[in-house]
């Protein structure tokens, strides 16, 4: 049986290309059937957390007529950070990565984006920001993840028109979209599900930056929880990788987004344009309100909203969307 090579959406600027993925053992990373119902859906989800990776495998990137070699890390994750000596085209572009098994090449195609010239960038959380997940209730979250297939999972009202408007804000054509990133504490195990969900609901196509992969059933029971420092590090990296953009951060108050975003604003006081936080409970949280008030004092627009229709009106009021 052949190993499985999984590629994720990469990204580039004028000086560097970054692409990445995982290598899995055979029979552990097939095409999950997210449209199966109840028990069969649960079985597919659980399989995602029983995968086995291949450490230290040889990996090859085809780029500019060269085959660039690296090795996978201990968890099967690999990443190419390639300096560029000529300018890449804007928009989405294909890339190819290969591994070898018993002398046979296994080659897969991924995509990366070099954002079109522009002024705006957007970074969004996933769970309870646009995907209804009930993160505050661990048992309810697991129940929904297991028993609700992709067609039964809910998205908040008016999220799609808001995100689509943000994606094309300031653009003359729908083809030239703004840079969009989804940064979440969900693990790489859920990558395919998240991509399918965003495509199903016509959310902006973006780069996903997720948490380290999990490889045991016990990890499944704490999915999306634990330390959120990786989100801060990934957001900081994006802002440094595209320093000329004005960023809007979108999250919710179910976990740590208000405080993470407050820290980001303190480090990048010129780069942040707006922060949007969804209210997930019946009442606004006092601690979140305090953090957002502090963000606002740094000259960053703030919207703490229950319904996305409020967020849309706020975006119009600050001139973020037409």
C-alpha atoms as a PDB file:
ATOM      1  CA  UNK A   1       0.000   0.000   0.000  1.00  0.00           C
ATOM      2  CA  UNK A   2       1.213   3.487  -0.870  1.00  0.00           C
ATOM      3  CA  UNK A   3       1.667   6.312   1.654  1.00  0.00           C
ATOM      4  CA  UNK A   4      -0.706   9.283   1.390  1.00  0.00           C
ATOM      5  CA  UNK A   5       0.669  12.729   0.530  1.00  0.00           C
ATOM      6  CA  UNK A   6      -1.598  15.566   1.690  1.00  0.00           C
ATOM      7  CA  UNK A   7      -0.942  19.140   0.516  1.00  0.00           C
ATOM      8  CA  UNK A   8      -2.415  22.334   1.972  1.00  0.00           C
ATOM      9  CA  UNK A   9      -2.927  25.775   0.469  1.00  0.00           C
ATOM     10  CA  UNK A  10       0.317  27.730   0.520  1.00  0.00           C
ATOM     11  CA  UNK A  11       1.156  31.412   0.122  1.00  0.00           C
ATOM     12  CA  UNK A  12       3.823  33.702  -1.287  1.00  0.00           C
ATOM     13  CA  UNK A  13       5.010  37.294  -1.295  1.00  0.00           C
ATOM     14  CA  UNK A  14       7.606  39.033  -3.455  1.00  0.00           C
ATOM     15  CA  UNK A  15      10.524  37.263  -1.754  1.00  0.00           C
ATOM     16  CA  UNK A  16       9.384  33.867  -0.477  1.00  0.00           C
ATOM     17  CA  UNK A  17       7.113  30.906  -1.251  1.00  0.00           C
ATOM     18  CA  UNK A  18       5.746  28.774   1.599  1.00  0.00           C
ATOM     19  CA  UNK A  19       4.017  25.422   0.966  1.00  0.00           C
ATOM     20  CA  UNK A  20       3.398  22.566   3.390  1.00  0.00           C
ATOM     21  CA  UNK A  21       1.609  19.281   4.041  1.00  0.00           C
ATOM     22  CA  UNK A  22       1.667  15.887   5.784  1.00  0.00           C
ATOM     23  CA  UNK A  23       2.666  12.337   4.890  1.00  0.00           C
ATOM     24  CA  UNK A  24       0.448   9.546   6.247  1.00  0.00           C
ATOM     25  CA  UNK A  25       0.780   5.805   6.464  1.00  0.00           C
ATOM     26  CA  UNK A  26      -1.416   3.759   4.088  1.00  0.00           C
ATOM     27  CA  UNK A  27      -5.099   3.182   4.945  1.00  0.00           C
ATOM     28  CA  UNK A  28      -5.175   5.982   7.520  1.00  0.00           C
ATOM     29  CA  UNK A  29      -5.842   9.120   5.483  1.00  0.00           C
ATOM     30  CA  UNK A  30      -8.324   8.296   2.762  1.00  0.00           C
ATOM     31  CA  UNK A  31     -11.138  10.419   1.404  1.00  0.00           C
ATOM     32  CA  UNK A  32     -13.486  10.953   4.329  1.00  0.00           C
ATOM     33  CA  UNK A  33     -17.177  10.778   3.580  1.00  0.00           C
ATOM     34  CA  UNK A  34     -18.529  13.928   5.190  1.00  0.00           C
ATOM     35  CA  UNK A  35     -22.026  13.460   3.757  1.00  0.00           C
ATOM     36  CA  UNK A  36     -22.688  10.146   5.501  1.00  0.00           C
ATOM     37  CA  UNK A  37     -25.338  10.194   8.213  1.00  0.00           C
ATOM     38  CA  UNK A  38     -25.099   9.653  11.963  1.00  0.00           C
ATOM     39  CA  UNK A  39     -22.979   6.578  12.799  1.00  0.00           C
ATOM     40  CA  UNK A  40     -21.200   6.546   9.440  1.00  0.00           C
ATOM     41  CA  UNK A  41     -20.386  10.241   9.813  1.00  0.00           C
ATOM     42  CA  UNK A  42     -19.084   9.611  13.346  1.00  0.00           C
ATOM     43  CA  UNK A  43     -16.934   6.793  12.008  1.00  0.00           C
ATOM     44  CA  UNK A  44     -15.419   9.091   9.372  1.00  0.00           C
ATOM     45  CA  UNK A  45     -14.684  11.808  11.936  1.00  0.00           C
ATOM     46  CA  UNK A  46     -13.068   9.361  14.375  1.00  0.00           C
ATOM     47  CA  UNK A  47     -10.925   7.952  11.566  1.00  0.00           C
ATOM     48  CA  UNK A  48      -9.474  11.446  11.096  1.00  0.00           C
ATOM     49  CA  UNK A  49      -7.989  11.237  14.575  1.00  0.00           C
ATOM     50  CA  UNK A  50      -6.624   7.700  14.215  1.00  0.00           C
ATOM     51  CA  UNK A  51      -4.242   8.539  11.403  1.00  0.00           C
ATOM     52  CA  UNK A  52      -0.580   7.576  11.521  1.00  0.00           C
ATOM     53  CA  UNK A  53       2.086   9.842  10.047  1.00  0.00           C
ATOM     54  CA  UNK A  54       5.476   8.998   8.547  1.00  0.00           C
ATOM     55  CA  UNK A  55       8.400  10.875  10.153  1.00  0.00           C
ATOM     56  CA  UNK A  56      11.601  11.897   8.376  1.00  0.00           C
ATOM     57  CA  UNK A  57      10.314  10.936   4.915  1.00  0.00           C
ATOM     58  CA  UNK A  58      12.033  12.435   1.870  1.00  0.00           C
ATOM     59  CA  UNK A  59       9.885  15.102   0.201  1.00  0.00           C
ATOM     60  CA  UNK A  60      10.482  16.940  -3.086  1.00  0.00           C
ATOM     61  CA  UNK A  61       9.023  20.241  -4.340  1.00  0.00           C
ATOM     62  CA  UNK A  62       9.018  20.992  -8.079  1.00  0.00           C
ATOM     63  CA  UNK A  63       9.816  24.686  -8.440  1.00  0.00           C
ATOM     64  CA  UNK A  64      11.299  26.668 -11.330  1.00  0.00           C
ATOM     65  CA  UNK A  65      12.559  23.526 -13.042  1.00  0.00           C
ATOM     66  CA  UNK A  66      14.289  22.264  -9.885  1.00  0.00           C
ATOM     67  CA  UNK A  67      13.432  19.449  -7.468  1.00  0.00           C
ATOM     68  CA  UNK A  68      13.997  20.848  -3.979  1.00  0.00           C
ATOM     69  CA  UNK A  69      14.500  18.238  -1.272  1.00  0.00           C
ATOM     70  CA  UNK A  70      13.555  18.259   2.412  1.00  0.00           C
ATOM     71  CA  UNK A  71      12.443  15.743   5.056  1.00  0.00           C
ATOM     72  CA  UNK A  72       9.249  15.490   7.092  1.00  0.00           C
ATOM     73  CA  UNK A  73       9.314  16.322  10.796  1.00  0.00           C
ATOM     74  CA  UNK A  74       8.572  13.778  13.529  1.00  0.00           C
ATOM     75  CA  UNK A  75       4.799  14.228  13.101  1.00  0.00           C
ATOM     76  CA  UNK A  76       4.898  13.749   9.321  1.00  0.00           C
ATOM     77  CA  UNK A  77       4.572  17.499   8.684  1.00  0.00           C
ATOM     78  CA  UNK A  78       6.782  19.134   6.063  1.00  0.00           C
ATOM     79  CA  UNK A  79       7.229  22.725   5.024  1.00  0.00           C
ATOM     80  CA  UNK A  80       9.173  24.403   2.211  1.00  0.00           C
ATOM     81  CA  UNK A  81      10.209  28.047   2.681  1.00  0.00           C
ATOM     82  CA  UNK A  82      11.760  28.963  -0.660  1.00  0.00           C
ATOM     83  CA  UNK A  83      13.479  32.295  -1.435  1.00  0.00           C
ATOM     84  CA  UNK A  84      12.388  33.659  -4.803  1.00  0.00           C
ATOM     85  CA  UNK A  85      14.701  34.968  -7.485  1.00  0.00           C
ATOM     86  CA  UNK A  86      11.913  35.924  -9.875  1.00  0.00           C
ATOM     87  CA  UNK A  87       8.455  37.362  -9.342  1.00  0.00           C
ATOM     88  CA  UNK A  88       5.482  34.998  -9.148  1.00  0.00           C
ATOM     89  CA  UNK A  89       2.129  35.765 -10.735  1.00  0.00           C
ATOM     90  CA  UNK A  90      -0.734  37.063  -8.589  1.00  0.00           C
ATOM     91  CA  UNK A  91      -3.704  34.923  -7.591  1.00  0.00           C
ATOM     92  CA  UNK A  92      -3.865  31.159  -7.078  1.00  0.00           C
ATOM     93  CA  UNK A  93      -1.181  28.983  -8.701  1.00  0.00           C
ATOM     94  CA  UNK A  94      -0.554  25.228  -8.702  1.00  0.00           C
ATOM     95  CA  UNK A  95       2.468  23.606  -7.104  1.00  0.00           C
ATOM     96  CA  UNK A  96       3.630  19.973  -7.091  1.00  0.00           C
ATOM     97  CA  UNK A  97       5.214  17.857  -4.362  1.00  0.00           C
ATOM     98  CA  UNK A  98       6.493  14.272  -4.621  1.00  0.00           C
ATOM     99  CA  UNK A  99       7.505  11.403  -2.375  1.00  0.00           C
ATOM    100  CA  UNK A 100       8.845   8.002  -3.407  1.00  0.00           C
ATOM    101  CA  UNK A 101       7.687   4.539  -2.350  1.00  0.00           C
ATOM    102  CA  UNK A 102       9.514   1.400  -3.519  1.00  0.00           C
ATOM    103  CA  UNK A 103      11.056   3.432  -6.324  1.00  0.00           C
ATOM    104  CA  UNK A 104       7.694   4.769  -7.518  1.00  0.00           C
ATOM    105  CA  UNK A 105       6.955   8.501  -7.474  1.00  0.00           C
ATOM    106  CA  UNK A 106       3.797   9.687  -5.698  1.00  0.00           C
ATOM    107  CA  UNK A 107       3.049  13.210  -6.931  1.00  0.00           C
ATOM    108  CA  UNK A 108       0.304  15.541  -5.743  1.00  0.00           C
ATOM    109  CA  UNK A 109      -0.870  19.011  -6.793  1.00  0.00           C
ATOM    110  CA  UNK A 110      -1.540  21.795  -4.317  1.00  0.00           C
ATOM    111  CA  UNK A 111      -2.240  25.508  -4.712  1.00  0.00           C
ATOM    112  CA  UNK A 112      -0.712  28.643  -3.256  1.00  0.00           C
ATOM    113  CA  UNK A 113      -1.705  32.290  -3.409  1.00  0.00           C
ATOM    114  CA  UNK A 114       0.231  35.418  -4.035  1.00  0.00           C
ATOM    115  CA  UNK A 115      -2.357  38.080  -3.134  1.00  0.00           C
ATOM    116  CA  UNK A 116      -3.200  40.710  -5.704  1.00  0.00           C
ATOM    117  CA  UNK A 117      -1.794  44.162  -5.050  1.00  0.00           C
ATOM    118  CA  UNK A 118      -4.050  45.842  -2.523  1.00  0.00           C
ATOM    119  CA  UNK A 119      -4.389  47.323   0.928  1.00  0.00           C
ATOM    120  CA  UNK A 120      -6.556  44.893   2.903  1.00  0.00           C
ATOM    121  CA  UNK A 121      -6.037  41.537   4.591  1.00  0.00           C
ATOM    122  CA  UNK A 122      -8.449  39.430   6.653  1.00  0.00           C
ATOM    123  CA  UNK A 123      -7.800  36.816   9.334  1.00  0.00           C
ATOM    124  CA  UNK A 124     -10.732  34.813  10.681  1.00  0.00           C
ATOM    125  CA  UNK A 125     -11.230  32.178  13.340  1.00  0.00           C
ATOM    126  CA  UNK A 126     -13.518  29.252  12.423  1.00  0.00           C
ATOM    127  CA  UNK A 127     -15.402  27.597  15.301  1.00  0.00           C
ATOM    128  CA  UNK A 128     -18.246  29.805  16.558  1.00  0.00           C
ATOM    129  CA  UNK A 129     -17.010  32.654  14.371  1.00  0.00           C
ATOM    130  CA  UNK A 130     -18.755  31.375  11.227  1.00  0.00           C
ATOM    131  CA  UNK A 131     -19.197  27.633  11.897  1.00  0.00           C
ATOM    132  CA  UNK A 132     -21.675  26.951  14.731  1.00  0.00           C
ATOM    133  CA  UNK A 133     -19.671  24.625  17.016  1.00  0.00           C
ATOM    134  CA  UNK A 134     -20.777  25.282  20.625  1.00  0.00           C
ATOM    135  CA  UNK A 135     -17.162  25.381  21.791  1.00  0.00           C
ATOM    136  CA  UNK A 136     -18.216  26.515  25.261  1.00  0.00           C
ATOM    137  CA  UNK A 137     -19.986  23.181  25.797  1.00  0.00           C
ATOM    138  CA  UNK A 138     -17.481  20.346  25.221  1.00  0.00           C
ATOM    139  CA  UNK A 139     -20.101  17.576  25.155  1.00  0.00           C
ATOM    140  CA  UNK A 140     -22.360  19.427  22.746  1.00  0.00           C
ATOM    141  CA  UNK A 141     -19.417  20.244  20.502  1.00  0.00           C
ATOM    142  CA  UNK A 142     -18.394  16.563  20.285  1.00  0.00           C
ATOM    143  CA  UNK A 143     -21.987  15.487  19.669  1.00  0.00           C
ATOM    144  CA  UNK A 144     -22.357  17.903  16.740  1.00  0.00           C
ATOM    145  CA  UNK A 145     -18.961  16.984  15.311  1.00  0.00           C
ATOM    146  CA  UNK A 146     -19.803  13.274  15.409  1.00  0.00           C
ATOM    147  CA  UNK A 147     -23.492  13.134  14.544  1.00  0.00           C
ATOM    148  CA  UNK A 148     -24.040  16.130  12.243  1.00  0.00           C
ATOM    149  CA  UNK A 149     -22.617  15.671   8.757  1.00  0.00           C
ATOM    150  CA  UNK A 150     -21.424  18.561   6.623  1.00  0.00           C
ATOM    151  CA  UNK A 151     -24.952  19.151   5.264  1.00  0.00           C
ATOM    152  CA  UNK A 152     -26.363  19.420   8.795  1.00  0.00           C
ATOM    153  CA  UNK A 153     -23.679  21.704  10.223  1.00  0.00           C
ATOM    154  CA  UNK A 154     -24.903  25.269  10.602  1.00  0.00           C
ATOM    155  CA  UNK A 155     -23.369  28.574   9.593  1.00  0.00           C
ATOM    156  CA  UNK A 156     -24.374  31.858  11.227  1.00  0.00           C
ATOM    157  CA  UNK A 157     -26.863  34.015   9.348  1.00  0.00           C
ATOM    158  CA  UNK A 158     -25.362  36.747   7.138  1.00  0.00           C
ATOM    159  CA  UNK A 159     -21.781  35.513   7.576  1.00  0.00           C
ATOM    160  CA  UNK A 160     -21.471  34.688   3.884  1.00  0.00           C
ATOM    161  CA  UNK A 161     -22.493  38.130   2.496  1.00  0.00           C
ATOM    162  CA  UNK A 162     -20.253  39.798   5.100  1.00  0.00           C
ATOM    163  CA  UNK A 163     -17.193  37.688   4.250  1.00  0.00           C
ATOM    164  CA  UNK A 164     -17.814  37.946   0.514  1.00  0.00           C
ATOM    165  CA  UNK A 165     -18.042  41.737   0.804  1.00  0.00           C
ATOM    166  CA  UNK A 166     -14.804  41.810   2.796  1.00  0.00           C
ATOM    167  CA  UNK A 167     -13.089  39.580   0.244  1.00  0.00           C
ATOM    168  CA  UNK A 168     -13.897  41.969  -2.627  1.00  0.00           C
ATOM    169  CA  UNK A 169     -13.684  45.250  -0.669  1.00  0.00           C
ATOM    170  CA  UNK A 170     -11.934  47.918  -2.714  1.00  0.00           C
ATOM    171  CA  UNK A 171     -11.705  45.653  -5.774  1.00  0.00           C
ATOM    172  CA  UNK A 172     -12.961  46.377  -9.262  1.00  0.00           C
ATOM    173  CA  UNK A 173     -13.441  42.708 -10.209  1.00  0.00           C
ATOM    174  CA  UNK A 174     -14.474  39.587  -8.310  1.00  0.00           C
ATOM    175  CA  UNK A 175     -11.357  37.795  -9.578  1.00  0.00           C
ATOM    176  CA  UNK A 176      -9.043  40.155  -7.678  1.00  0.00           C
ATOM    177  CA  UNK A 177      -9.855  39.231  -4.092  1.00  0.00           C
ATOM    178  CA  UNK A 178      -8.198  40.351  -0.867  1.00  0.00           C
ATOM    179  CA  UNK A 179      -5.861  38.138   1.155  1.00  0.00           C
ATOM    180  CA  UNK A 180      -7.922  35.838   3.412  1.00  0.00           C
ATOM    181  CA  UNK A 181      -6.607  33.527   6.147  1.00  0.00           C
ATOM    182  CA  UNK A 182      -8.428  31.120   8.461  1.00  0.00           C
ATOM    183  CA  UNK A 183      -6.441  30.625  11.678  1.00  0.00           C
ATOM    184  CA  UNK A 184      -7.941  28.169  14.154  1.00  0.00           C
ATOM    185  CA  UNK A 185      -7.253  25.903  17.119  1.00  0.00           C
ATOM    186  CA  UNK A 186      -8.815  23.072  15.139  1.00  0.00           C
ATOM    187  CA  UNK A 187      -6.192  20.516  14.165  1.00  0.00           C
ATOM    188  CA  UNK A 188      -4.896  19.642  10.695  1.00  0.00           C
ATOM    189  CA  UNK A 189      -7.020  16.478  11.003  1.00  0.00           C
ATOM    190  CA  UNK A 190     -10.082  18.636  10.177  1.00  0.00           C
ATOM    191  CA  UNK A 191      -8.526  20.402   7.177  1.00  0.00           C
ATOM    192  CA  UNK A 192     -10.572  18.597   4.495  1.00  0.00           C
ATOM    193  CA  UNK A 193     -13.807  19.098   6.415  1.00  0.00           C
ATOM    194  CA  UNK A 194     -13.174  22.848   6.843  1.00  0.00           C
ATOM    195  CA  UNK A 195     -12.271  23.287   3.165  1.00  0.00           C
ATOM    196  CA  UNK A 196     -15.426  21.452   2.062  1.00  0.00           C
ATOM    197  CA  UNK A 197     -17.567  23.493   4.474  1.00  0.00           C
ATOM    198  CA  UNK A 198     -16.183  26.841   3.248  1.00  0.00           C
ATOM    199  CA  UNK A 199     -16.636  25.775  -0.378  1.00  0.00           C
ATOM    200  CA  UNK A 200     -20.183  24.556   0.250  1.00  0.00           C
ATOM    201  CA  UNK A 201     -21.170  27.943   1.701  1.00  0.00           C
ATOM    202  CA  UNK A 202     -19.142  29.989  -0.815  1.00  0.00           C
ATOM    203  CA  UNK A 203     -16.946  31.625   1.799  1.00  0.00           C
ATOM    204  CA  UNK A 204     -13.783  33.311   0.476  1.00  0.00           C
ATOM    205  CA  UNK A 205     -11.083  30.892  -0.609  1.00  0.00           C
ATOM    206  CA  UNK A 206      -8.247  31.338   1.852  1.00  0.00           C
ATOM    207  CA  UNK A 207      -5.154  29.806   3.402  1.00  0.00           C
ATOM    208  CA  UNK A 208      -5.810  27.629   6.463  1.00  0.00           C
ATOM    209  CA  UNK A 209      -3.353  27.635   9.368  1.00  0.00           C
ATOM    210  CA  UNK A 210      -4.348  25.032  11.942  1.00  0.00           C
ATOM    211  CA  UNK A 211      -3.010  23.324  15.059  1.00  0.00           C
ATOM    212  CA  UNK A 212      -0.543  20.399  15.149  1.00  0.00           C
ATOM    213  CA  UNK A 213      -2.026  17.144  13.922  1.00  0.00           C
ATOM    214  CA  UNK A 214      -3.422  14.604  16.399  1.00  0.00           C
ATOM    215  CA  UNK A 215      -2.861  10.867  15.977  1.00  0.00           C
ATOM    216  CA  UNK A 216      -4.826   9.174  18.765  1.00  0.00           C
ATOM    217  CA  UNK A 217      -8.461   8.725  19.694  1.00  0.00           C
ATOM    218  CA  UNK A 218      -7.861  10.327  23.082  1.00  0.00           C
ATOM    219  CA  UNK A 219      -6.791  13.534  21.318  1.00  0.00           C
ATOM    220  CA  UNK A 220     -10.178  13.627  19.623  1.00  0.00           C
ATOM    221  CA  UNK A 221     -11.941  14.341  22.916  1.00  0.00           C
ATOM    222  CA  UNK A 222      -9.993  17.580  23.410  1.00  0.00           C
ATOM    223  CA  UNK A 223     -10.066  18.763  19.806  1.00  0.00           C
ATOM    224  CA  UNK A 224      -9.888  22.543  19.468  1.00  0.00           C
ATOM    225  CA  UNK A 225      -9.002  23.053  23.121  1.00  0.00           C
ATOM    226  CA  UNK A 226      -5.798  23.563  25.095  1.00  0.00           C
ATOM    227  CA  UNK A 227      -3.141  26.174  24.488  1.00  0.00           C
ATOM    228  CA  UNK A 228      -3.990  28.830  21.872  1.00  0.00           C
ATOM    229  CA  UNK A 229      -0.520  30.384  21.614  1.00  0.00           C
ATOM    230  CA  UNK A 230      -0.103  28.842  18.168  1.00  0.00           C
ATOM    231  CA  UNK A 231      -2.854  31.174  16.892  1.00  0.00           C
ATOM    232  CA  UNK A 232      -0.971  34.221  18.151  1.00  0.00           C
ATOM    233  CA  UNK A 233       2.244  32.984  16.501  1.00  0.00           C
ATOM    234  CA  UNK A 234       0.524  32.293  13.175  1.00  0.00           C
ATOM    235  CA  UNK A 235      -1.280  35.658  13.107  1.00  0.00           C
ATOM    236  CA  UNK A 236       1.979  37.430  13.957  1.00  0.00           C
ATOM    237  CA  UNK A 237       3.682  35.551  11.104  1.00  0.00           C
ATOM    238  CA  UNK A 238       1.010  36.603   8.574  1.00  0.00           C
ATOM    239  CA  UNK A 239       1.270  40.268   9.591  1.00  0.00           C
ATOM    240  CA  UNK A 240       5.044  40.115   9.226  1.00  0.00           C
ATOM    241  CA  UNK A 241       4.870  38.222   5.914  1.00  0.00           C
ATOM    242  CA  UNK A 242       2.542  40.826   4.356  1.00  0.00           C
ATOM    243  CA  UNK A 243       3.503  43.962   6.321  1.00  0.00           C
ATOM    244  CA  UNK A 244       1.970  46.478   3.885  1.00  0.00           C
ATOM    245  CA  UNK A 245      -1.641  45.333   4.426  1.00  0.00           C
ATOM    246  CA  UNK A 246      -4.248  46.763   6.787  1.00  0.00           C
ATOM    247  CA  UNK A 247      -5.768  43.817   8.665  1.00  0.00           C
ATOM    248  CA  UNK A 248      -9.188  42.999  10.043  1.00  0.00           C
ATOM    249  CA  UNK A 249      -9.391  40.204  12.640  1.00  0.00           C
ATOM    250  CA  UNK A 250     -12.616  38.217  13.059  1.00  0.00           C
ATOM    251  CA  UNK A 251     -13.291  35.926  16.014  1.00  0.00           C
ATOM    252  CA  UNK A 252     -15.687  35.156  18.862  1.00  0.00           C
ATOM    253  CA  UNK A 253     -15.859  35.302  22.636  1.00  0.00           C
ATOM    254  CA  UNK A 254     -16.196  31.537  23.270  1.00  0.00           C
ATOM    255  CA  UNK A 255     -12.498  31.144  24.085  1.00  0.00           C
ATOM    256  CA  UNK A 256      -9.517  33.511  23.821  1.00  0.00           C
ATOM    257  CA  UNK A 257      -9.914  35.558  20.623  1.00  0.00           C
ATOM    258  CA  UNK A 258     -10.540  38.961  22.299  1.00  0.00           C
ATOM    259  CA  UNK A 259      -7.338  38.676  24.351  1.00  0.00           C
ATOM    260  CA  UNK A 260      -5.230  37.233  21.530  1.00  0.00           C
ATOM    261  CA  UNK A 261      -6.377  40.027  19.246  1.00  0.00           C
ATOM    262  CA  UNK A 262      -5.669  42.596  21.963  1.00  0.00           C
ATOM    263  CA  UNK A 263      -2.074  41.339  22.152  1.00  0.00           C
ATOM    264  CA  UNK A 264      -1.735  41.459  18.351  1.00  0.00           C
ATOM    265  CA  UNK A 265      -2.968  45.063  18.300  1.00  0.00           C
ATOM    266  CA  UNK A 266      -0.385  46.036  20.917  1.00  0.00           C
ATOM    267  CA  UNK A 267       2.450  44.708  18.747  1.00  0.00           C
ATOM    268  CA  UNK A 268       1.079  45.958  15.406  1.00  0.00           C
ATOM    269  CA  UNK A 269      -0.630  49.271  16.292  1.00  0.00           C
ATOM    270  CA  UNK A 270      -0.364  50.632  12.740  1.00  0.00           C
ATOM    271  CA  UNK A 271      -1.316  47.449  10.879  1.00  0.00           C
ATOM    272  CA  UNK A 272      -4.690  46.646  12.449  1.00  0.00           C
ATOM    273  CA  UNK A 273      -7.804  48.290  11.010  1.00  0.00           C
ATOM    274  CA  UNK A 274     -10.676  46.517  12.783  1.00  0.00           C
ATOM    275  CA  UNK A 275     -11.553  43.692  15.176  1.00  0.00           C
ATOM    276  CA  UNK A 276     -14.860  41.789  15.053  1.00  0.00           C
ATOM    277  CA  UNK A 277     -15.928  39.545  17.935  1.00  0.00           C
ATOM    278  CA  UNK A 278     -19.092  37.437  17.838  1.00  0.00           C
ATOM    279  CA  UNK A 279     -21.092  37.183  21.065  1.00  0.00           C
ATOM    280  CA  UNK A 280     -21.776  33.453  21.588  1.00  0.00           C
ATOM    281  CA  UNK A 281     -23.734  33.564  24.855  1.00  0.00           C
ATOM    282  CA  UNK A 282     -26.805  35.410  26.038  1.00  0.00           C
ATOM    283  CA  UNK A 283     -24.756  38.278  27.417  1.00  0.00           C
ATOM    284  CA  UNK A 284     -21.570  40.071  26.467  1.00  0.00           C
ATOM    285  CA  UNK A 285     -18.567  39.067  28.570  1.00  0.00           C
ATOM    286  CA  UNK A 286     -17.139  41.726  30.852  1.00  0.00           C
ATOM    287  CA  UNK A 287     -13.555  40.587  30.295  1.00  0.00           C
ATOM    288  CA  UNK A 288     -14.038  40.634  26.522  1.00  0.00           C
ATOM    289  CA  UNK A 289     -15.582  44.115  26.696  1.00  0.00           C
ATOM    290  CA  UNK A 290     -12.549  45.335  28.647  1.00  0.00           C
ATOM    291  CA  UNK A 291     -10.142  43.910  26.058  1.00  0.00           C
ATOM    292  CA  UNK A 292     -12.098  45.421  23.170  1.00  0.00           C
ATOM    293  CA  UNK A 293     -12.254  48.802  24.869  1.00  0.00           C
ATOM    294  CA  UNK A 294      -8.473  48.683  25.192  1.00  0.00           C
ATOM    295  CA  UNK A 295      -8.171  47.775  21.490  1.00  0.00           C
ATOM    296  CA  UNK A 296     -10.399  50.724  20.588  1.00  0.00           C
ATOM    297  CA  UNK A 297      -8.185  53.053  22.632  1.00  0.00           C
ATOM    298  CA  UNK A 298      -5.337  52.155  20.248  1.00  0.00           C
ATOM    299  CA  UNK A 299      -7.308  53.516  17.288  1.00  0.00           C
ATOM    300  CA  UNK A 300      -8.578  50.162  16.010  1.00  0.00           C
ATOM    301  CA  UNK A 301     -12.284  49.936  15.111  1.00  0.00           C
ATOM    302  CA  UNK A 302     -14.163  47.390  17.230  1.00  0.00           C
ATOM    303  CA  UNK A 303     -17.477  45.560  16.795  1.00  0.00           C
ATOM    304  CA  UNK A 304     -18.805  43.159  19.455  1.00  0.00           C
ATOM    305  CA  UNK A 305     -21.892  41.712  17.778  1.00  0.00           C
ATOM    306  CA  UNK A 306     -24.575  39.067  18.202  1.00  0.00           C
ATOM    307  CA  UNK A 307     -25.733  38.898  14.582  1.00  0.00           C
ATOM    308  CA  UNK A 308     -23.615  39.293  11.455  1.00  0.00           C
ATOM    309  CA  UNK A 309     -26.062  41.900  10.162  1.00  0.00           C
ATOM    310  CA  UNK A 310     -24.639  44.199  12.882  1.00  0.00           C
ATOM    311  CA  UNK A 311     -21.114  43.454  11.669  1.00  0.00           C
ATOM    312  CA  UNK A 312     -22.112  44.299   8.086  1.00  0.00           C
ATOM    313  CA  UNK A 313     -23.539  47.661   9.146  1.00  0.00           C
ATOM    314  CA  UNK A 314     -20.411  48.403  11.159  1.00  0.00           C
ATOM    315  CA  UNK A 315     -18.166  47.532   8.187  1.00  0.00           C
ATOM    316  CA  UNK A 316     -20.167  49.966   6.067  1.00  0.00           C
ATOM    317  CA  UNK A 317     -19.984  52.677   8.724  1.00  0.00           C
ATOM    318  CA  UNK A 318     -16.166  52.579   8.845  1.00  0.00           C
ATOM    319  CA  UNK A 319     -15.847  52.406   5.063  1.00  0.00           C
ATOM    320  CA  UNK A 320     -14.484  48.869   5.080  1.00  0.00           C
ATOM    321  CA  UNK A 321     -17.150  47.702   2.599  1.00  0.00           C
ATOM    322  CA  UNK A 322     -19.416  49.618   0.282  1.00  0.00           C
END
